[in-house]
N, C-alpha and C. Protein backbone atom coordinates (compact mmCIF):
# COMPACT_ATOMS: atom_id res chain seq x y z
N MET A 1 -4.01 -4.43 20.97
CA MET A 1 -5.14 -4.25 20.24
C MET A 1 -5.86 -5.55 20.05
N ASP A 2 -7.50 -5.91 20.10
CA ASP A 2 -8.06 -7.29 19.83
C ASP A 2 -7.74 -7.61 18.24
N ALA A 3 -7.52 -9.07 17.93
CA ALA A 3 -7.32 -9.16 16.73
C ALA A 3 -8.69 -8.96 15.76
N VAL A 4 -9.55 -9.04 16.42
CA VAL A 4 -10.98 -8.66 15.55
C VAL A 4 -11.15 -7.41 15.43
N THR A 5 -11.04 -6.43 16.23
CA THR A 5 -10.93 -5.05 15.93
C THR A 5 -9.59 -4.12 15.40
N ASP A 6 -8.99 -5.08 15.03
CA ASP A 6 -7.58 -4.55 14.44
C ASP A 6 -7.91 -4.21 12.90
N PRO A 7 -7.86 -2.66 12.77
CA PRO A 7 -8.14 -2.17 11.54
C PRO A 7 -7.73 -2.96 10.33
N ALA A 8 -6.74 -3.64 10.20
CA ALA A 8 -6.18 -4.39 9.14
C ALA A 8 -6.81 -5.62 8.99
N ASP A 9 -7.48 -6.16 9.94
CA ASP A 9 -8.25 -7.26 9.96
C ASP A 9 -9.63 -6.84 9.07
N VAL A 10 -10.06 -5.75 9.74
CA VAL A 10 -11.37 -5.50 9.02
C VAL A 10 -11.00 -4.86 7.47
N ASP A 11 -10.11 -4.43 7.27
CA ASP A 11 -9.90 -3.89 6.04
C ASP A 11 -9.62 -5.34 5.15
N ALA A 12 -8.95 -6.58 5.42
CA ALA A 12 -8.99 -7.61 5.01
C ALA A 12 -10.11 -8.51 4.87
N THR A 13 -10.92 -8.26 5.61
CA THR A 13 -12.24 -8.90 5.55
C THR A 13 -13.26 -8.37 4.35
N ARG A 14 -13.03 -6.85 4.66
CA ARG A 14 -13.65 -6.10 3.49
C ARG A 14 -13.37 -6.40 2.10
N ARG A 15 -12.19 -6.27 2.21
CA ARG A 15 -11.49 -6.99 0.47
C ARG A 15 -11.94 -8.22 0.17
N THR A 16 -12.16 -9.14 1.26
CA THR A 16 -12.39 -10.23 1.04
C THR A 16 -13.82 -10.55 0.51
N TYR A 17 -14.82 -9.90 0.83
CA TYR A 17 -16.28 -9.79 0.85
C TYR A 17 -16.27 -9.42 -0.69
N LEU A 18 -15.41 -8.12 -0.89
CA LEU A 18 -15.37 -7.51 -1.92
C LEU A 18 -14.75 -8.23 -3.35
N ALA A 19 -14.09 -8.97 -3.22
CA ALA A 19 -13.44 -10.01 -4.17
C ALA A 19 -14.66 -10.93 -4.35
N ALA A 20 -15.03 -11.55 -3.45
CA ALA A 20 -16.19 -12.63 -3.67
C ALA A 20 -17.24 -11.73 -4.68
N GLU A 21 -17.81 -10.50 -4.16
CA GLU A 21 -18.80 -9.96 -5.07
C GLU A 21 -18.27 -9.64 -6.21
N ARG A 22 -16.94 -9.28 -6.68
CA ARG A 22 -16.74 -9.15 -8.27
C ARG A 22 -16.87 -10.48 -8.72
N THR A 23 -16.59 -11.54 -8.09
CA THR A 23 -16.63 -12.87 -8.79
C THR A 23 -18.02 -13.26 -9.00
N TRP A 24 -18.92 -12.86 -8.18
CA TRP A 24 -20.35 -12.89 -8.55
C TRP A 24 -20.76 -12.32 -9.74
N LEU A 25 -20.24 -11.17 -9.71
CA LEU A 25 -20.36 -10.24 -11.01
C LEU A 25 -20.10 -10.93 -12.21
N ALA A 26 -18.72 -11.55 -12.10
CA ALA A 26 -18.30 -12.05 -13.26
C ALA A 26 -19.37 -13.09 -13.74
N TRP A 27 -19.86 -14.11 -12.78
CA TRP A 27 -20.81 -15.11 -13.08
C TRP A 27 -21.77 -14.30 -14.07
N TRP A 28 -22.29 -12.95 -13.49
CA TRP A 28 -23.14 -12.69 -14.25
C TRP A 28 -22.98 -12.33 -15.48
N ARG A 29 -21.74 -11.63 -15.93
CA ARG A 29 -21.33 -10.94 -16.99
C ARG A 29 -21.01 -12.07 -18.04
N SER A 30 -20.80 -13.48 -17.38
CA SER A 30 -20.51 -14.46 -18.11
C SER A 30 -21.99 -15.16 -18.75
N GLY A 31 -22.87 -15.05 -17.81
CA GLY A 31 -24.26 -15.58 -18.30
C GLY A 31 -24.79 -14.54 -19.40
N ILE A 32 -24.47 -13.27 -19.19
CA ILE A 32 -25.40 -12.13 -20.15
C ILE A 32 -24.57 -12.50 -21.37
N ALA A 33 -23.12 -12.51 -21.65
CA ALA A 33 -22.64 -12.76 -22.79
C ALA A 33 -22.89 -14.29 -23.34
N THR A 34 -23.21 -15.21 -22.64
CA THR A 34 -23.79 -16.28 -23.16
C THR A 34 -25.16 -16.04 -23.90
N ALA A 35 -25.88 -15.34 -23.26
CA ALA A 35 -27.29 -15.37 -23.21
C ALA A 35 -27.39 -14.35 -24.73
N THR A 36 -26.13 -13.64 -24.81
CA THR A 36 -26.08 -12.88 -26.50
C THR A 36 -25.72 -13.82 -27.17
N ALA A 37 -24.80 -14.65 -26.90
CA ALA A 37 -24.41 -15.52 -28.02
C ALA A 37 -25.78 -16.49 -28.44
N ALA A 38 -26.58 -16.75 -27.46
CA ALA A 38 -27.50 -17.68 -27.87
C ALA A 38 -28.82 -16.86 -29.05
N ILE A 39 -28.71 -15.64 -28.51
CA ILE A 39 -29.55 -14.64 -29.53
C ILE A 39 -28.77 -14.48 -31.08
N ALA A 40 -27.68 -14.42 -30.78
CA ALA A 40 -26.88 -14.44 -31.97
C ALA A 40 -26.97 -15.30 -32.99
N VAL A 41 -26.39 -16.73 -32.24
CA VAL A 41 -26.27 -17.82 -32.81
C VAL A 41 -27.53 -18.44 -33.40
N GLY A 42 -28.56 -18.81 -32.47
CA GLY A 42 -29.98 -18.99 -32.62
C GLY A 42 -31.07 -18.02 -33.60
N GLY A 43 -30.79 -16.70 -33.49
CA GLY A 43 -31.54 -16.10 -34.38
C GLY A 43 -31.13 -14.97 -35.47
N VAL A 44 -29.92 -14.67 -34.99
CA VAL A 44 -29.46 -13.62 -36.06
C VAL A 44 -28.74 -14.24 -37.02
N VAL A 45 -27.93 -15.08 -36.81
CA VAL A 45 -27.02 -15.86 -37.96
C VAL A 45 -27.77 -16.71 -38.83
N PRO A 46 -28.90 -17.44 -38.34
CA PRO A 46 -29.38 -18.40 -39.64
C PRO A 46 -29.91 -17.52 -40.62
N ASP A 47 -30.43 -16.14 -40.36
CA ASP A 47 -31.04 -15.27 -41.28
C ASP A 47 -29.96 -14.67 -42.32
N LEU A 48 -28.32 -14.55 -41.50
CA LEU A 48 -27.62 -14.06 -42.52
C LEU A 48 -26.90 -15.10 -43.39
N VAL A 49 -26.66 -16.10 -42.94
CA VAL A 49 -26.24 -17.45 -43.75
C VAL A 49 -26.82 -18.22 -44.66
N GLY A 50 -28.11 -18.17 -44.71
CA GLY A 50 -29.38 -19.00 -45.41
C GLY A 50 -29.06 -20.43 -44.88
N GLY A 51 -29.37 -21.26 -45.54
CA GLY A 51 -29.47 -22.69 -45.53
C GLY A 51 -30.50 -23.11 -44.39
N SER A 52 -30.11 -24.06 -43.62
CA SER A 52 -30.75 -24.86 -42.47
C SER A 52 -30.73 -24.12 -41.28
N ARG A 53 -31.92 -23.64 -40.75
CA ARG A 53 -31.80 -23.12 -39.46
C ARG A 53 -31.50 -23.97 -38.21
N ALA A 54 -31.94 -25.18 -38.45
CA ALA A 54 -31.92 -26.25 -37.36
C ALA A 54 -30.55 -26.02 -36.58
N PRO A 55 -29.45 -26.56 -37.15
CA PRO A 55 -28.31 -26.32 -36.32
C PRO A 55 -28.00 -25.06 -35.48
N TYR A 56 -28.38 -23.78 -36.11
CA TYR A 56 -28.23 -22.75 -35.37
C TYR A 56 -29.12 -22.62 -34.19
N VAL A 57 -30.21 -23.23 -34.34
CA VAL A 57 -31.31 -23.06 -33.29
C VAL A 57 -30.99 -24.03 -32.12
N VAL A 58 -30.61 -25.29 -32.47
CA VAL A 58 -30.14 -26.04 -31.60
C VAL A 58 -28.90 -25.50 -30.55
N LEU A 59 -28.08 -24.75 -31.41
CA LEU A 59 -26.81 -24.16 -30.92
C LEU A 59 -27.27 -23.16 -29.84
N GLY A 60 -28.12 -22.18 -30.50
CA GLY A 60 -28.67 -21.07 -29.78
C GLY A 60 -29.38 -21.33 -28.46
N ALA A 61 -30.13 -22.62 -28.60
CA ALA A 61 -30.64 -23.48 -27.35
C ALA A 61 -29.83 -23.75 -26.22
N GLY A 62 -28.74 -24.22 -26.55
CA GLY A 62 -27.60 -24.58 -26.06
C GLY A 62 -27.02 -23.43 -25.15
N TYR A 63 -26.72 -22.68 -26.05
CA TYR A 63 -26.14 -21.51 -25.42
C TYR A 63 -27.24 -20.86 -24.37
N ALA A 64 -28.28 -20.87 -24.66
CA ALA A 64 -29.21 -20.38 -23.61
C ALA A 64 -29.10 -21.13 -22.48
N LEU A 65 -29.40 -22.55 -22.52
CA LEU A 65 -29.22 -23.23 -21.40
C LEU A 65 -27.93 -23.16 -20.51
N LEU A 66 -26.84 -22.93 -21.30
CA LEU A 66 -25.55 -22.46 -20.73
C LEU A 66 -25.66 -21.29 -20.02
N SER A 67 -26.23 -20.22 -20.08
CA SER A 67 -26.39 -18.96 -19.66
C SER A 67 -27.12 -19.13 -18.50
N ILE A 68 -28.37 -19.89 -18.41
CA ILE A 68 -29.02 -20.34 -17.40
C ILE A 68 -28.30 -21.03 -16.04
N ALA A 69 -27.53 -22.00 -16.72
CA ALA A 69 -26.72 -22.88 -15.64
C ALA A 69 -25.66 -21.69 -15.10
N MET A 70 -24.92 -20.47 -15.74
CA MET A 70 -24.46 -19.71 -15.48
C MET A 70 -24.76 -18.66 -14.20
N PHE A 71 -26.13 -18.31 -14.45
CA PHE A 71 -27.00 -17.48 -13.63
C PHE A 71 -27.00 -18.24 -12.00
N ILE A 72 -27.57 -19.72 -12.36
CA ILE A 72 -27.77 -20.60 -11.30
C ILE A 72 -26.99 -20.93 -10.19
N VAL A 73 -25.73 -21.45 -11.03
CA VAL A 73 -24.61 -21.74 -10.47
C VAL A 73 -23.77 -20.38 -9.69
N GLY A 74 -23.89 -19.60 -10.23
CA GLY A 74 -23.10 -18.36 -9.94
C GLY A 74 -23.73 -17.69 -8.47
N GLY A 75 -25.26 -17.62 -8.71
CA GLY A 75 -25.99 -17.48 -7.35
C GLY A 75 -25.64 -18.34 -6.17
N ARG A 76 -25.65 -19.56 -6.39
CA ARG A 76 -25.38 -20.66 -5.72
C ARG A 76 -23.91 -20.62 -5.08
N ARG A 77 -23.19 -20.15 -5.97
CA ARG A 77 -21.87 -20.47 -5.44
C ARG A 77 -21.49 -18.94 -4.69
N GLN A 78 -22.05 -17.71 -5.08
CA GLN A 78 -22.19 -16.38 -4.02
C GLN A 78 -22.74 -16.78 -2.76
N THR A 79 -23.65 -17.67 -2.68
CA THR A 79 -24.20 -17.96 -1.36
C THR A 79 -23.38 -18.98 -0.67
N ALA A 80 -22.63 -19.68 -1.02
CA ALA A 80 -21.71 -20.70 -0.31
C ALA A 80 -20.40 -20.12 -0.17
N VAL A 81 -20.25 -19.19 -0.94
CA VAL A 81 -18.88 -18.35 -0.54
C VAL A 81 -19.37 -17.19 0.94
N GLU A 82 -20.61 -17.02 0.82
CA GLU A 82 -20.86 -15.61 1.71
C GLU A 82 -20.94 -16.38 3.11
N ARG A 83 -21.44 -17.49 3.26
CA ARG A 83 -21.21 -18.53 4.28
C ARG A 83 -20.31 -18.96 4.92
N ALA A 84 -19.33 -19.27 3.66
CA ALA A 84 -18.16 -19.66 4.20
C ALA A 84 -17.14 -18.63 4.77
N LEU A 85 -17.42 -17.26 4.06
CA LEU A 85 -16.73 -16.08 4.89
C LEU A 85 -17.13 -15.75 6.04
N GLY A 86 -18.38 -15.92 6.31
CA GLY A 86 -19.04 -15.73 7.67
C GLY A 86 -18.38 -16.80 8.78
N ARG A 87 -17.97 -17.86 8.39
CA ARG A 87 -17.40 -18.83 9.25
C ARG A 87 -16.04 -18.48 9.45
N GLY A 88 -15.38 -17.79 8.53
CA GLY A 88 -13.84 -17.84 8.38
C GLY A 88 -13.63 -18.94 7.81
N ASP A 89 -13.84 -19.39 6.58
CA ASP A 89 -13.64 -20.59 6.04
C ASP A 89 -13.45 -20.35 4.61
N TYR A 90 -13.17 -21.18 3.85
CA TYR A 90 -12.85 -20.94 2.28
C TYR A 90 -13.90 -22.27 1.67
N GLU A 91 -14.46 -21.59 0.40
CA GLU A 91 -15.48 -22.62 -0.28
C GLU A 91 -14.75 -22.36 -1.66
N GLY A 92 -13.84 -23.56 -2.06
CA GLY A 92 -13.88 -23.87 -3.20
C GLY A 92 -14.51 -24.27 -4.27
N ILE A 93 -14.20 -23.97 -5.44
CA ILE A 93 -15.39 -24.16 -6.90
C ILE A 93 -15.44 -25.91 -7.00
N PRO A 94 -16.54 -26.47 -6.73
CA PRO A 94 -16.29 -28.05 -7.17
C PRO A 94 -15.88 -28.30 -8.37
N PRO A 95 -15.07 -29.37 -8.75
CA PRO A 95 -14.12 -29.48 -9.71
C PRO A 95 -15.23 -29.61 -10.93
N GLN A 96 -16.64 -30.60 -10.84
CA GLN A 96 -17.50 -30.85 -11.25
C GLN A 96 -18.03 -29.58 -11.99
N HIS A 97 -17.98 -28.57 -11.32
CA HIS A 97 -18.46 -27.38 -12.23
C HIS A 97 -17.40 -26.75 -13.23
N VAL A 98 -16.21 -26.73 -12.91
CA VAL A 98 -15.07 -26.34 -13.82
C VAL A 98 -15.24 -27.15 -14.93
N VAL A 99 -15.46 -28.57 -15.08
CA VAL A 99 -15.30 -29.50 -15.94
C VAL A 99 -16.59 -29.44 -16.85
N GLY A 100 -17.77 -29.29 -16.12
CA GLY A 100 -18.99 -29.39 -16.85
C GLY A 100 -18.92 -27.76 -17.91
N PHE A 101 -18.53 -26.71 -17.16
CA PHE A 101 -18.82 -25.37 -17.96
C PHE A 101 -17.77 -25.42 -19.04
N THR A 102 -16.22 -25.92 -18.85
CA THR A 102 -15.46 -26.15 -20.08
C THR A 102 -15.96 -27.11 -21.03
N VAL A 103 -16.39 -28.36 -20.79
CA VAL A 103 -16.91 -29.19 -21.69
C VAL A 103 -18.09 -28.44 -22.52
N ALA A 104 -19.20 -27.93 -21.68
CA ALA A 104 -20.24 -27.34 -22.14
C ALA A 104 -19.67 -26.28 -23.47
N GLY A 105 -19.11 -25.40 -22.81
CA GLY A 105 -18.46 -24.17 -23.77
C GLY A 105 -17.87 -24.87 -24.66
N ALA A 106 -16.79 -25.97 -24.80
CA ALA A 106 -15.98 -26.12 -25.78
C ALA A 106 -16.97 -26.82 -27.06
N VAL A 107 -18.23 -27.73 -26.26
CA VAL A 107 -18.87 -28.29 -27.16
C VAL A 107 -19.65 -27.56 -28.15
N LEU A 108 -20.21 -26.15 -27.45
CA LEU A 108 -20.84 -25.44 -28.16
C LEU A 108 -19.98 -24.59 -29.11
N ALA A 109 -18.94 -24.29 -28.83
CA ALA A 109 -18.06 -23.52 -29.86
C ALA A 109 -17.54 -24.71 -30.82
N ILE A 110 -17.15 -25.99 -30.57
CA ILE A 110 -16.97 -26.82 -31.76
C ILE A 110 -18.33 -26.82 -32.67
N GLY A 111 -19.47 -27.08 -32.16
CA GLY A 111 -20.84 -26.93 -32.94
C GLY A 111 -21.10 -25.80 -33.78
N THR A 112 -20.65 -24.44 -33.30
CA THR A 112 -20.85 -23.48 -33.83
C THR A 112 -19.69 -23.21 -35.41
N LEU A 113 -18.47 -23.80 -34.99
CA LEU A 113 -17.54 -23.66 -35.95
C LEU A 113 -17.91 -24.57 -37.11
N VAL A 114 -18.57 -26.02 -36.77
CA VAL A 114 -18.78 -26.85 -37.65
C VAL A 114 -20.02 -26.44 -38.42
N ALA A 115 -21.11 -25.59 -37.74
CA ALA A 115 -22.15 -25.06 -38.45
C ALA A 115 -21.77 -23.95 -39.50
N ILE A 116 -20.80 -23.13 -38.83
CA ILE A 116 -20.39 -22.08 -39.89
C ILE A 116 -19.66 -22.77 -40.95
N LEU A 117 -18.61 -23.71 -40.65
CA LEU A 117 -17.89 -24.38 -42.02
C LEU A 117 -18.83 -25.20 -42.98
N ALA A 118 -19.75 -25.77 -42.21
CA ALA A 118 -20.78 -26.34 -43.35
C ALA A 118 -21.35 -25.44 -44.18
N ASN A 119 -21.41 -24.28 -43.81
CA ASN A 119 -22.46 -23.36 -44.33
C ASN A 119 -21.52 -22.39 -45.25
N ALA A 120 -20.32 -22.75 -45.62
CA ALA A 120 -19.48 -21.78 -46.18
C ALA A 120 -19.13 -21.88 -47.31
């Protein structure tokens, strides 16, 4: 039987494309969660804790920017992965994306912690 029409190969290809789709959806879930954090930190929390709104608004804007980045990078990544799969190749995530999202998330989490502790 030809390797291209072998049912096992077709099934493996299908699973690979579906895994790529699930990864793209994970980018979307992360973007939505971060957008929710932006609303909570920048809009809801300042009304609950009193004090200066400015730190929370800045942090909320940071979370919103991170959310936008997740949607854009996730979409671009999906396109790159689809192209690589079409070529029978692999497309790894660029290390700068991993570092960038890790640093951004850590900075926002630390900033949120500091803002909460400052108003405690």
